[in-house]
PDB file of N, CA and C in Angstrom:
ATOM      1  N   MET A   1      -4.962  -5.509 -16.543  1.00  0.00           N
ATOM      2  CA  MET A   1      -4.646  -6.581 -15.610  1.00  0.00           C
ATOM      3  C   MET A   1      -5.019  -6.113 -14.212  1.00  0.00           C
ATOM      4  N   GLY A   2      -5.720  -6.949 -13.464  1.00  0.00           N
ATOM      5  CA  GLY A   2      -6.175  -6.592 -12.135  1.00  0.00           C
ATOM      6  C   GLY A   2      -5.077  -6.656 -11.096  1.00  0.00           C
ATOM      7  N   LEU A   3      -5.410  -6.170  -9.925  1.00  0.00           N
ATOM      8  CA  LEU A   3      -4.432  -6.108  -8.839  1.00  0.00           C
ATOM      9  C   LEU A   3      -4.652  -7.181  -7.769  1.00  0.00           C
ATOM     10  N   LYS A   4      -5.689  -8.004  -7.897  1.00  0.00           N
ATOM     11  CA  LYS A   4      -6.046  -8.945  -6.828  1.00  0.00           C
ATOM     12  C   LYS A   4      -4.916  -9.900  -6.457  1.00  0.00           C
ATOM     13  N   VAL A   5      -4.241 -10.472  -7.425  1.00  0.00           N
ATOM     14  CA  VAL A   5      -3.149 -11.406  -7.133  1.00  0.00           C
ATOM     15  C   VAL A   5      -2.041 -10.694  -6.374  1.00  0.00           C
ATOM     16  N   GLY A   6      -1.726  -9.487  -6.789  1.00  0.00           N
ATOM     17  CA  GLY A   6      -0.687  -8.716  -6.119  1.00  0.00           C
ATOM     18  C   GLY A   6      -1.058  -8.331  -4.697  1.00  0.00           C
ATOM     19  N   ILE A   7      -2.348  -8.110  -4.448  1.00  0.00           N
ATOM     20  CA  ILE A   7      -2.793  -7.746  -3.097  1.00  0.00           C
ATOM     21  C   ILE A   7      -2.512  -8.882  -2.126  1.00  0.00           C
ATOM     22  N   THR A   8      -2.898 -10.095  -2.477  1.00  0.00           N
ATOM     23  CA  THR A   8      -2.687 -11.219  -1.561  1.00  0.00           C
ATOM     24  C   THR A   8      -1.203 -11.485  -1.348  1.00  0.00           C
ATOM     25  N   GLN A   9      -0.404 -11.378  -2.391  1.00  0.00           N
ATOM     26  CA  GLN A   9       1.034 -11.605  -2.252  1.00  0.00           C
ATOM     27  C   GLN A   9       1.667 -10.522  -1.384  1.00  0.00           C
ATOM     28  N   THR A  10       1.291  -9.273  -1.588  1.00  0.00           N
ATOM     29  CA  THR A  10       1.840  -8.177  -0.786  1.00  0.00           C
ATOM     30  C   THR A  10       1.447  -8.318   0.675  1.00  0.00           C
ATOM     31  N   LEU A  11       0.194  -8.662   0.950  1.00  0.00           N
ATOM     32  CA  LEU A  11      -0.235  -8.856   2.336  1.00  0.00           C
ATOM     33  C   LEU A  11       0.512 -10.010   2.994  1.00  0.00           C
ATOM     34  N   ALA A  12       0.798 -11.060   2.244  1.00  0.00           N
ATOM     35  CA  ALA A  12       1.571 -12.179   2.799  1.00  0.00           C
ATOM     36  C   ALA A  12       2.979 -11.731   3.170  1.00  0.00           C
ATOM     37  N   TYR A  13       3.629 -10.953   2.305  1.00  0.00           N
ATOM     38  CA  TYR A  13       4.961 -10.416   2.626  1.00  0.00           C
ATOM     39  C   TYR A  13       4.902  -9.510   3.852  1.00  0.00           C
ATOM     40  N   MET A  14       3.889  -8.684   3.921  1.00  0.00           N
ATOM     41  CA  MET A  14       3.765  -7.761   5.048  1.00  0.00           C
ATOM     42  C   MET A  14       3.553  -8.527   6.351  1.00  0.00           C
ATOM     43  N   LEU A  15       2.747  -9.565   6.313  1.00  0.00           N
ATOM     44  CA  LEU A  15       2.477 -10.360   7.510  1.00  0.00           C
ATOM     45  C   LEU A  15       3.726 -11.099   7.969  1.00  0.00           C
ATOM     46  N   ALA A  16       4.608 -11.452   7.044  1.00  0.00           N
ATOM     47  CA  ALA A  16       5.838 -12.169   7.389  1.00  0.00           C
ATOM     48  C   ALA A  16       6.938 -11.245   7.903  1.00  0.00           C
ATOM     49  N   ALA A  17       6.736  -9.944   7.842  1.00  0.00           N
ATOM     50  CA  ALA A  17       7.757  -8.990   8.298  1.00  0.00           C
ATOM     51  C   ALA A  17       8.035  -9.187   9.785  1.00  0.00           C
ATOM     52  N   THR A  18       9.258  -8.870  10.191  1.00  0.00           N
ATOM     53  CA  THR A  18       9.700  -9.186  11.552  1.00  0.00           C
ATOM     54  C   THR A  18       9.375  -8.135  12.595  1.00  0.00           C
ATOM     55  N   ASN A  19       8.989  -6.924  12.220  1.00  0.00           N
ATOM     56  CA  ASN A  19       8.717  -5.875  13.197  1.00  0.00           C
ATOM     57  C   ASN A  19       7.211  -5.715  13.396  1.00  0.00           C
ATOM     58  N   PRO A  20       6.642  -6.357  14.428  1.00  0.00           N
ATOM     59  CA  PRO A  20       5.189  -6.311  14.602  1.00  0.00           C
ATOM     60  C   PRO A  20       4.676  -5.018  15.235  1.00  0.00           C
ATOM     61  N   ILE A  21       5.568  -4.139  15.704  1.00  0.00           N
ATOM     62  CA  ILE A  21       5.131  -2.945  16.422  1.00  0.00           C
ATOM     63  C   ILE A  21       4.748  -1.821  15.459  1.00  0.00           C
ATOM     64  N   GLN A  22       5.554  -1.583  14.458  1.00  0.00           N
ATOM     65  CA  GLN A  22       5.313  -0.494  13.512  1.00  0.00           C
ATOM     66  C   GLN A  22       4.261  -0.896  12.476  1.00  0.00           C
ATOM     67  N   PRO A  23       3.412   0.037  12.078  1.00  0.00           N
ATOM     68  CA  PRO A  23       2.515  -0.255  10.953  1.00  0.00           C
ATOM     69  C   PRO A  23       3.351  -0.478   9.693  1.00  0.00           C
ATOM     70  N   LEU A  24       2.892  -1.361   8.848  1.00  0.00           N
ATOM     71  CA  LEU A  24       3.577  -1.644   7.585  1.00  0.00           C
ATOM     72  C   LEU A  24       2.732  -1.126   6.431  1.00  0.00           C
ATOM     73  N   PHE A  25       3.402  -0.616   5.410  1.00  0.00           N
ATOM     74  CA  PHE A  25       2.714  -0.081   4.248  1.00  0.00           C
ATOM     75  C   PHE A  25       3.183  -0.820   3.007  1.00  0.00           C
ATOM     76  N   GLY A  26       2.272  -1.016   2.079  1.00  0.00           N
ATOM     77  CA  GLY A  26       2.606  -1.673   0.828  1.00  0.00           C
ATOM     78  C   GLY A  26       1.896  -0.998  -0.330  1.00  0.00           C
ATOM     79  N   MET A  27       2.387  -1.278  -1.518  1.00  0.00           N
ATOM     80  CA  MET A  27       1.779  -0.735  -2.729  1.00  0.00           C
ATOM     81  C   MET A  27       1.733  -1.842  -3.770  1.00  0.00           C
ATOM     82  N   VAL A  28       0.609  -1.931  -4.454  1.00  0.00           N
ATOM     83  CA  VAL A  28       0.445  -2.883  -5.548  1.00  0.00           C
ATOM     84  C   VAL A  28       0.163  -2.065  -6.802  1.00  0.00           C
ATOM     85  N   THR A  29       0.865  -2.382  -7.874  1.00  0.00           N
ATOM     86  CA  THR A  29       0.649  -1.655  -9.126  1.00  0.00           C
ATOM     87  C   THR A  29       0.848  -2.576 -10.320  1.00  0.00           C
ATOM     88  N   ASN A  30       0.175  -2.243 -11.391  1.00  0.00           N
ATOM     89  CA  ASN A  30       0.425  -2.911 -12.666  1.00  0.00           C
ATOM     90  C   ASN A  30       0.968  -1.904 -13.681  1.00  0.00           C
ATOM     91  N   GLY A  31       1.371  -0.744 -13.194  1.00  0.00           N
ATOM     92  CA  GLY A  31       1.922   0.295 -14.049  1.00  0.00           C
ATOM     93  C   GLY A  31       0.966   1.446 -14.296  1.00  0.00           C
ATOM     94  N   SER A  32      -0.326   1.159 -14.338  1.00  0.00           N
ATOM     95  CA  SER A  32      -1.297   2.234 -14.530  1.00  0.00           C
ATOM     96  C   SER A  32      -2.332   2.297 -13.413  1.00  0.00           C
ATOM     97  N   ASN A  33      -2.452   1.237 -12.641  1.00  0.00           N
ATOM     98  CA  ASN A  33      -3.351   1.209 -11.490  1.00  0.00           C
ATOM     99  C   ASN A  33      -2.513   1.037 -10.228  1.00  0.00           C
ATOM    100  N   PHE A  34      -2.907   1.734  -9.163  1.00  0.00           N
ATOM    101  CA  PHE A  34      -2.167   1.693  -7.906  1.00  0.00           C
ATOM    102  C   PHE A  34      -3.133   1.458  -6.756  1.00  0.00           C
ATOM    103  N   LEU A  35      -2.676   0.681  -5.768  1.00  0.00           N
ATOM    104  CA  LEU A  35      -3.452   0.423  -4.563  1.00  0.00           C
ATOM    105  C   LEU A  35      -2.480   0.414  -3.399  1.00  0.00           C
ATOM    106  N   PHE A  36      -2.832   1.104  -2.317  1.00  0.00           N
ATOM    107  CA  PHE A  36      -1.969   1.167  -1.147  1.00  0.00           C
ATOM    108  C   PHE A  36      -2.571   0.339  -0.023  1.00  0.00           C
ATOM    109  N   LEU A  37      -1.706  -0.363   0.721  1.00  0.00           N
ATOM    110  CA  LEU A  37      -2.123  -1.244   1.805  1.00  0.00           C
ATOM    111  C   LEU A  37      -1.441  -0.832   3.098  1.00  0.00           C
ATOM    112  N   LYS A  38      -2.118  -1.086   4.206  1.00  0.00           N
ATOM    113  CA  LYS A  38      -1.549  -0.830   5.530  1.00  0.00           C
ATOM    114  C   LYS A  38      -1.877  -2.025   6.410  1.00  0.00           C
ATOM    115  N   LEU A  39      -0.891  -2.473   7.167  1.00  0.00           N
ATOM    116  CA  LEU A  39      -1.068  -3.597   8.086  1.00  0.00           C
ATOM    117  C   LEU A  39      -0.662  -3.158   9.482  1.00  0.00           C
ATOM    118  N   ILE A  40      -1.552  -3.358  10.435  1.00  0.00           N
ATOM    119  CA  ILE A  40      -1.242  -3.149  11.848  1.00  0.00           C
ATOM    120  C   ILE A  40      -1.311  -4.517  12.507  1.00  0.00           C
ATOM    121  N   ARG A  41      -0.196  -4.940  13.083  1.00  0.00           N
ATOM    122  CA  ARG A  41      -0.146  -6.262  13.724  1.00  0.00           C
ATOM    123  C   ARG A  41      -0.108  -6.085  15.228  1.00  0.00           C
ATOM    124  N   GLN A  42      -1.232  -6.337  15.867  1.00  0.00           N
ATOM    125  CA  GLN A  42      -1.286  -6.364  17.323  1.00  0.00           C
ATOM    126  C   GLN A  42      -1.690  -7.779  17.691  1.00  0.00           C
ATOM    127  N   ASN A  43      -2.770  -7.960  18.424  1.00  0.00           N
ATOM    128  CA  ASN A  43      -3.235  -9.317  18.718  1.00  0.00           C
ATOM    129  C   ASN A  43      -3.768 -10.001  17.461  1.00  0.00           C
ATOM    130  N   HIS A  44      -4.501  -9.241  16.665  1.00  0.00           N
ATOM    131  CA  HIS A  44      -5.041  -9.751  15.407  1.00  0.00           C
ATOM    132  C   HIS A  44      -4.653  -8.775  14.302  1.00  0.00           C
ATOM    133  N   PRO A  45      -4.088  -9.259  13.219  1.00  0.00           N
ATOM    134  CA  PRO A  45      -3.702  -8.357  12.126  1.00  0.00           C
ATOM    135  C   PRO A  45      -4.924  -7.615  11.574  1.00  0.00           C
ATOM    136  N   GLN A  46      -4.745  -6.335  11.316  1.00  0.00           N
ATOM    137  CA  GLN A  46      -5.796  -5.525  10.708  1.00  0.00           C
ATOM    138  C   GLN A  46      -5.232  -4.893   9.442  1.00  0.00           C
ATOM    139  N   TYR A  47      -5.967  -5.076   8.357  1.00  0.00           N
ATOM    140  CA  TYR A  47      -5.550  -4.552   7.069  1.00  0.00           C
ATOM    141  C   TYR A  47      -6.450  -3.392   6.667  1.00  0.00           C
ATOM    142  N   ALA A  48      -5.871  -2.431   6.001  1.00  0.00           N
ATOM    143  CA  ALA A  48      -6.642  -1.348   5.387  1.00  0.00           C
ATOM    144  C   ALA A  48      -6.117  -1.171   3.972  1.00  0.00           C
ATOM    145  N   ARG A  49      -6.984  -0.742   3.089  1.00  0.00           N
ATOM    146  CA  ARG A  49      -6.564  -0.515   1.713  1.00  0.00           C
ATOM    147  C   ARG A  49      -7.176   0.773   1.196  1.00  0.00           C
ATOM    148  N   SER A  50      -6.463   1.389   0.294  1.00  0.00           N
ATOM    149  CA  SER A  50      -6.982   2.583  -0.365  1.00  0.00           C
ATOM    150  C   SER A  50      -7.923   2.151  -1.480  1.00  0.00           C
ATOM    151  N   HIS A  51      -8.584   3.123  -2.062  1.00  0.00           N
ATOM    152  CA  HIS A  51      -9.298   2.790  -3.293  1.00  0.00           C
ATOM    153  C   HIS A  51      -8.260   2.661  -4.408  1.00  0.00           C
ATOM    154  N   GLU A  52      -8.663   2.138  -5.515  1.00  0.00           N
ATOM    155  CA  GLU A  52      -7.729   1.934  -6.625  1.00  0.00           C
ATOM    156  C   GLU A  52      -7.565   3.233  -7.410  1.00  0.00           C
ATOM    157  N   PHE A  53      -6.328   3.675  -7.526  1.00  0.00           N
ATOM    158  CA  PHE A  53      -6.012   4.868  -8.304  1.00  0.00           C
ATOM    159  C   PHE A  53      -5.691   4.443  -9.731  1.00  0.00           C
ATOM    160  N   VAL A  54      -6.251   5.145 -10.694  1.00  0.00           N
ATOM    161  CA  VAL A  54      -6.024   4.862 -12.111  1.00  0.00           C
ATOM    162  C   VAL A  54      -5.415   6.113 -12.735  1.00  0.00           C
ATOM    163  N   LEU A  55      -4.220   5.977 -13.305  1.00  0.00           N
ATOM    164  CA  LEU A  55      -3.497   7.146 -13.797  1.00  0.00           C
ATOM    165  C   LEU A  55      -4.242   7.913 -14.880  1.00  0.00           C
ATOM    166  N   GLU A  56      -5.064   7.240 -15.653  1.00  0.00           N
ATOM    167  CA  GLU A  56      -5.805   7.918 -16.717  1.00  0.00           C
ATOM    168  C   GLU A  56      -7.028   8.659 -16.194  1.00  0.00           C
ATOM    169  N   ARG A  57      -7.279   8.608 -14.902  1.00  0.00           N
ATOM    170  CA  ARG A  57      -8.497   9.199 -14.340  1.00  0.00           C
ATOM    171  C   ARG A  57      -8.156  10.450 -13.531  1.00  0.00           C
ATOM    172  N   GLY A  58      -8.700  11.558 -13.914  1.00  0.00           N
ATOM    173  CA  GLY A  58      -8.630  12.795 -13.141  1.00  0.00           C
ATOM    174  C   GLY A  58      -7.251  13.121 -12.608  1.00  0.00           C
ATOM    175  N   ASP A  59      -7.209  13.371 -11.313  1.00  0.00           N
ATOM    176  CA  ASP A  59      -5.950  13.761 -10.669  1.00  0.00           C
ATOM    177  C   ASP A  59      -5.319  12.607  -9.897  1.00  0.00           C
ATOM    178  N   ASP A  60      -5.585  11.370 -10.298  1.00  0.00           N
ATOM    179  CA  ASP A  60      -5.054  10.217  -9.564  1.00  0.00           C
ATOM    180  C   ASP A  60      -3.527  10.167  -9.559  1.00  0.00           C
ATOM    181  N   LEU A  61      -2.877  10.569 -10.646  1.00  0.00           N
ATOM    182  CA  LEU A  61      -1.414  10.583 -10.658  1.00  0.00           C
ATOM    183  C   LEU A  61      -0.897  11.513  -9.566  1.00  0.00           C
ATOM    184  N   TYR A  62      -1.476  12.690  -9.453  1.00  0.00           N
ATOM    185  CA  TYR A  62      -1.079  13.642  -8.419  1.00  0.00           C
ATOM    186  C   TYR A  62      -1.290  13.048  -7.028  1.00  0.00           C
ATOM    187  N   ARG A  63      -2.405  12.366  -6.816  1.00  0.00           N
ATOM    188  CA  ARG A  63      -2.698  11.774  -5.507  1.00  0.00           C
ATOM    189  C   ARG A  63      -1.736  10.634  -5.181  1.00  0.00           C
ATOM    190  N   VAL A  64      -1.391   9.816  -6.171  1.00  0.00           N
ATOM    191  CA  VAL A  64      -0.413   8.742  -5.961  1.00  0.00           C
ATOM    192  C   VAL A  64       0.933   9.340  -5.567  1.00  0.00           C
ATOM    193  N   LEU A  65       1.345  10.385  -6.250  1.00  0.00           N
ATOM    194  CA  LEU A  65       2.621  11.028  -5.923  1.00  0.00           C
ATOM    195  C   LEU A  65       2.596  11.638  -4.525  1.00  0.00           C
ATOM    196  N   GLN A  66       1.465  12.197  -4.099  1.00  0.00           N
ATOM    197  CA  GLN A  66       1.338  12.729  -2.741  1.00  0.00           C
ATOM    198  C   GLN A  66       1.512  11.626  -1.705  1.00  0.00           C
ATOM    199  N   ILE A  67       0.875  10.490  -1.929  1.00  0.00           N
ATOM    200  CA  ILE A  67       0.973   9.366  -0.991  1.00  0.00           C
ATOM    201  C   ILE A  67       2.409   8.865  -0.923  1.00  0.00           C
ATOM    202  N   LEU A  68       3.052   8.702  -2.072  1.00  0.00           N
ATOM    203  CA  LEU A  68       4.440   8.237  -2.086  1.00  0.00           C
ATOM    204  C   LEU A  68       5.361   9.218  -1.364  1.00  0.00           C
ATOM    205  N   LYS A  69       5.116  10.500  -1.528  1.00  0.00           N
ATOM    206  CA  LYS A  69       5.922  11.517  -0.850  1.00  0.00           C
ATOM    207  C   LYS A  69       5.746  11.419   0.665  1.00  0.00           C
ATOM    208  N   LYS A  70       4.509  11.230   1.135  1.00  0.00           N
ATOM    209  CA  LYS A  70       4.255  11.099   2.574  1.00  0.00           C
ATOM    210  C   LYS A  70       4.893   9.831   3.134  1.00  0.00           C
ATOM    211  N   LEU A  71       4.807   8.737   2.400  1.00  0.00           N
ATOM    212  CA  LEU A  71       5.439   7.494   2.850  1.00  0.00           C
ATOM    213  C   LEU A  71       6.954   7.650   2.901  1.00  0.00           C
ATOM    214  N   SER A  72       7.516   8.317   1.920  1.00  0.00           N
ATOM    215  CA  SER A  72       8.956   8.555   1.901  1.00  0.00           C
ATOM    216  C   SER A  72       9.388   9.394   3.096  1.00  0.00           C
ATOM    217  N   ALA A  73       8.619  10.409   3.428  1.00  0.00           N
ATOM    218  CA  ALA A  73       8.940  11.254   4.586  1.00  0.00           C
ATOM    219  C   ALA A  73       8.830  10.458   5.882  1.00  0.00           C
ATOM    220  N   ALA A  74       7.837   9.581   5.985  1.00  0.00           N
ATOM    221  CA  ALA A  74       7.665   8.772   7.196  1.00  0.00           C
ATOM    222  C   ALA A  74       8.809   7.783   7.366  1.00  0.00           C
ATOM    223  N   ILE A  75       9.285   7.222   6.273  1.00  0.00           N
ATOM    224  CA  ILE A  75      10.395   6.269   6.336  1.00  0.00           C
ATOM    225  C   ILE A  75      11.683   6.981   6.712  1.00  0.00           C
ATOM    226  N   GLY A  76      11.867   8.188   6.203  1.00  0.00           N
ATOM    227  CA  GLY A  76      13.088   8.944   6.455  1.00  0.00           C
ATOM    228  C   GLY A  76      13.202   9.504   7.859  1.00  0.00           C
ATOM    229  N   SER A  77      12.090   9.575   8.590  1.00  0.00           N
ATOM    230  CA  SER A  77      12.154  10.182   9.929  1.00  0.00           C
ATOM    231  C   SER A  77      12.407   9.187  11.023  1.00  0.00           C
TER     232      SER A  77
END
């Protein structure tokens, strides 16, 4: 199952968030594929996305866990 539907829904939620100053981060997954999103809202919203991580491929699980750990540390500080 692809992630496209989840990407648009996640970006809509991120755009509706009330804090326009801080960058917002999102994640879309179907359980085996992961995609990370970032939204910066200034005058014009700017979106960035990671490449799609697939758990069955190479070290993608390790990389997904690294990203989640960094996001967790950023939220906690």
